[in-house]
Amino acid sequence: MKKSIASLVMLLFGISILSCQHEQRDIINETFPEGQAKIEKLLDEIFTSGQKKDLERLALYHLYGPKFTEFKGGRARQDAEAGKQNERETFSAISDFKYNLRDLKVNVFGEVAIATFHGEFGGKAGQDTLAFKLQSTMVFVKDADSWKIAHEHFSPLNQSEL
């Protein structure tokens, strides 16, 4: 009888420990400030990699694989290979790349984060000066200890909306 009671107590203790370890978080209302700060820093690293034309590092920020998607410039949805190629071509062709992420908002939902901003991008292509204002959304997923881009959407920003 004592052995049965001890076993029951151990079982209940184990269940209570496990339930504490799997505490539910309110992913809708909790702001996850540490995750927000990491994504904001990551965005700067991403665009700085583009400035430096460090295309290998830039690729590491993406979750290039079957779940990666991208919308850019009104084109059809792109997969990982097309997205990677577009990024290489873009940053290879632009010199003196500059960026400003205005109205940045980062929402973290546990293991997923969404960054939205009005991006001001510019640089030079040969002798031509480039300037783009784009409405942007980047979706990140947590991959072990790092965040990776799973989806990007960049489209022209309607100036009357500013």
Protein backbone atom coordinates (compact mmCIF):
# COMPACT_ATOMS: atom_id res chain seq x y z
CA MET A 1 0.00 0.00 0.00
CA LYS A 2 2.83 2.42 0.87
CA LYS A 3 4.45 1.62 -2.48
CA SER A 4 1.21 2.48 -4.33
CA ILE A 5 0.83 5.80 -2.51
CA ALA A 6 4.49 6.68 -3.17
CA SER A 7 4.05 5.83 -6.85
CA LEU A 8 0.92 7.96 -7.06
CA VAL A 9 2.66 10.90 -5.35
CA MET A 10 5.61 10.60 -7.77
CA LEU A 11 3.25 10.44 -10.74
CA LEU A 12 1.34 13.55 -9.61
CA PHE A 13 4.62 15.36 -8.92
CA GLY A 14 5.87 14.47 -12.41
CA ILE A 15 2.65 15.68 -14.03
CA SER A 16 2.80 18.98 -12.15
CA ILE A 17 6.43 19.52 -13.21
CA LEU A 18 5.59 18.80 -16.86
CA SER A 19 2.59 21.12 -16.83
CA CYS A 20 4.78 23.95 -15.47
CA GLN A 21 7.33 23.37 -18.22
CA HIS A 22 4.67 23.65 -20.94
CA GLU A 23 3.09 26.83 -19.65
CA GLN A 24 0.82 28.32 -22.28
CA ARG A 25 1.74 31.81 -23.44
CA ASP A 26 -0.72 34.33 -24.78
CA ILE A 27 0.71 34.72 -28.28
CA ILE A 28 -2.04 37.14 -29.28
CA ASN A 29 -1.67 39.71 -26.49
CA GLU A 30 1.88 39.20 -25.25
CA THR A 31 4.37 41.50 -27.01
CA PHE A 32 7.53 39.35 -26.71
CA PRO A 33 9.86 42.40 -26.42
CA GLU A 34 13.04 40.29 -26.63
CA GLY A 35 11.83 38.73 -29.89
CA GLN A 36 10.87 42.16 -31.25
CA ALA A 37 14.34 43.53 -30.46
CA LYS A 38 15.99 40.53 -32.14
CA ILE A 39 13.93 40.98 -35.31
CA GLU A 40 14.67 44.73 -35.44
CA LYS A 41 18.41 44.01 -35.09
CA LEU A 42 18.14 41.24 -37.66
CA LEU A 43 16.49 43.56 -40.20
CA ASP A 44 19.42 45.93 -39.89
CA GLU A 45 21.87 43.02 -40.34
CA ILE A 46 19.97 41.83 -43.41
CA PHE A 47 20.03 45.17 -45.21
CA THR A 48 23.61 45.87 -44.10
CA SER A 49 24.60 42.56 -45.70
CA GLY A 50 23.01 43.85 -48.90
CA GLN A 51 24.99 47.09 -48.62
CA LYS A 52 28.21 45.13 -48.24
CA LYS A 53 27.20 42.76 -51.05
CA ASP A 54 27.75 39.87 -48.64
CA LEU A 55 25.36 37.63 -50.56
CA GLU A 56 26.38 34.43 -48.77
CA ARG A 57 25.56 35.95 -45.39
CA LEU A 58 22.36 37.42 -46.80
CA ALA A 59 21.25 33.96 -47.92
CA LEU A 60 21.74 32.62 -44.38
CA TYR A 61 18.98 34.90 -43.08
CA HIS A 62 16.42 33.12 -45.28
CA LEU A 63 14.58 29.87 -44.78
CA TYR A 64 15.32 28.91 -48.36
CA GLY A 65 13.50 25.65 -48.95
CA PRO A 66 10.04 24.37 -49.90
CA LYS A 67 8.18 26.67 -47.48
CA PHE A 68 9.82 29.93 -48.59
CA THR A 69 7.72 32.35 -50.67
CA GLU A 70 8.16 35.85 -52.01
CA PHE A 71 6.09 38.54 -53.74
CA LYS A 72 7.95 41.41 -55.39
CA GLY A 73 7.07 44.02 -57.96
CA GLY A 74 3.63 42.65 -58.75
CA ARG A 75 5.06 39.39 -60.11
CA ALA A 76 3.63 35.97 -59.38
CA ARG A 77 4.66 34.23 -56.17
CA GLN A 78 8.30 33.19 -56.26
CA ASP A 79 9.82 30.11 -54.65
CA ALA A 80 13.13 29.88 -52.79
CA GLU A 81 15.32 29.45 -55.87
CA ALA A 82 13.76 32.38 -57.73
CA GLY A 83 13.86 34.52 -54.59
CA LYS A 84 17.52 33.78 -54.03
CA GLN A 85 18.32 34.56 -57.67
CA ASN A 86 16.36 37.84 -57.59
CA GLU A 87 18.16 38.92 -54.43
CA ARG A 88 21.59 38.14 -55.90
CA GLU A 89 20.80 40.04 -59.11
CA THR A 90 19.38 43.04 -57.25
CA PHE A 91 22.24 43.51 -54.80
CA SER A 92 24.88 42.74 -57.44
CA ALA A 93 23.51 45.46 -59.74
CA ILE A 94 23.13 48.21 -57.13
CA SER A 95 26.02 50.23 -55.75
CA ASP A 96 25.87 52.66 -52.85
CA PHE A 97 22.76 50.89 -51.52
CA LYS A 98 20.88 52.83 -48.85
CA TYR A 99 17.79 51.95 -46.86
CA ASN A 100 15.45 53.43 -44.30
CA LEU A 101 12.73 51.31 -42.67
CA ARG A 102 10.08 53.83 -41.71
CA ASP A 103 7.04 53.02 -39.60
CA LEU A 104 8.59 49.68 -38.58
CA LYS A 105 6.27 47.43 -36.62
CA VAL A 106 7.29 43.98 -35.39
CA ASN A 107 4.69 41.58 -34.02
CA VAL A 108 5.91 38.35 -32.45
CA PHE A 109 3.55 35.40 -32.08
CA GLY A 110 5.76 32.95 -30.20
CA GLU A 111 7.76 31.19 -32.91
CA VAL A 112 6.55 33.45 -35.74
CA ALA A 113 7.19 37.17 -36.24
CA ILE A 114 5.86 39.63 -38.80
CA ALA A 115 7.72 42.83 -39.61
CA THR A 116 5.95 45.53 -41.62
CA PHE A 117 7.46 48.81 -42.74
CA HIS A 118 7.58 51.47 -45.42
CA GLY A 119 10.99 50.95 -46.95
CA GLU A 120 12.88 53.73 -48.64
CA PHE A 121 15.57 52.11 -50.79
CA GLY A 122 18.08 53.70 -53.08
CA GLY A 123 21.44 53.47 -54.74
CA LYS A 124 22.99 53.54 -58.17
CA ALA A 125 22.80 51.23 -61.16
CA GLY A 126 25.59 52.39 -63.43
CA GLN A 127 25.05 56.14 -63.81
CA ASP A 128 21.37 55.97 -62.86
CA THR A 129 20.23 56.99 -59.40
CA LEU A 130 17.57 54.68 -57.99
CA ALA A 131 14.93 55.49 -55.39
CA PHE A 132 12.10 53.20 -54.36
CA LYS A 133 9.43 53.46 -51.68
CA LEU A 134 8.04 50.05 -50.95
CA GLN A 135 5.38 48.69 -48.67
CA SER A 136 7.02 45.70 -47.07
CA THR A 137 6.13 42.62 -45.06
CA MET A 138 8.62 40.04 -43.86
CA VAL A 139 7.54 36.89 -42.04
CA PHE A 140 10.11 35.21 -39.81
CA VAL A 141 10.02 31.80 -38.17
CA LYS A 142 12.18 30.66 -35.30
CA ASP A 143 14.65 27.99 -36.37
CA ALA A 144 16.42 26.66 -33.25
CA ASP A 145 18.04 29.80 -31.76
CA SER A 146 17.76 32.03 -34.82
CA TRP A 147 15.04 33.71 -36.84
CA LYS A 148 14.78 33.05 -40.58
CA ILE A 149 12.80 34.83 -43.29
CA ALA A 150 10.02 32.52 -44.52
CA HIS A 151 8.18 35.08 -46.67
CA GLU A 152 8.89 38.51 -48.16
CA HIS A 153 6.48 40.90 -49.83
CA PHE A 154 7.64 44.19 -51.35
CA SER A 155 5.26 46.30 -53.43
CA PRO A 156 5.24 49.96 -54.50
CA LEU A 157 3.95 52.27 -51.81
CA ASN A 158 1.05 54.51 -52.80
CA GLN A 159 2.38 57.97 -51.91
CA SER A 160 -1.10 59.27 -51.10
CA GLU A 161 -1.20 56.80 -48.19
CA LEU A 162 1.69 58.51 -46.37
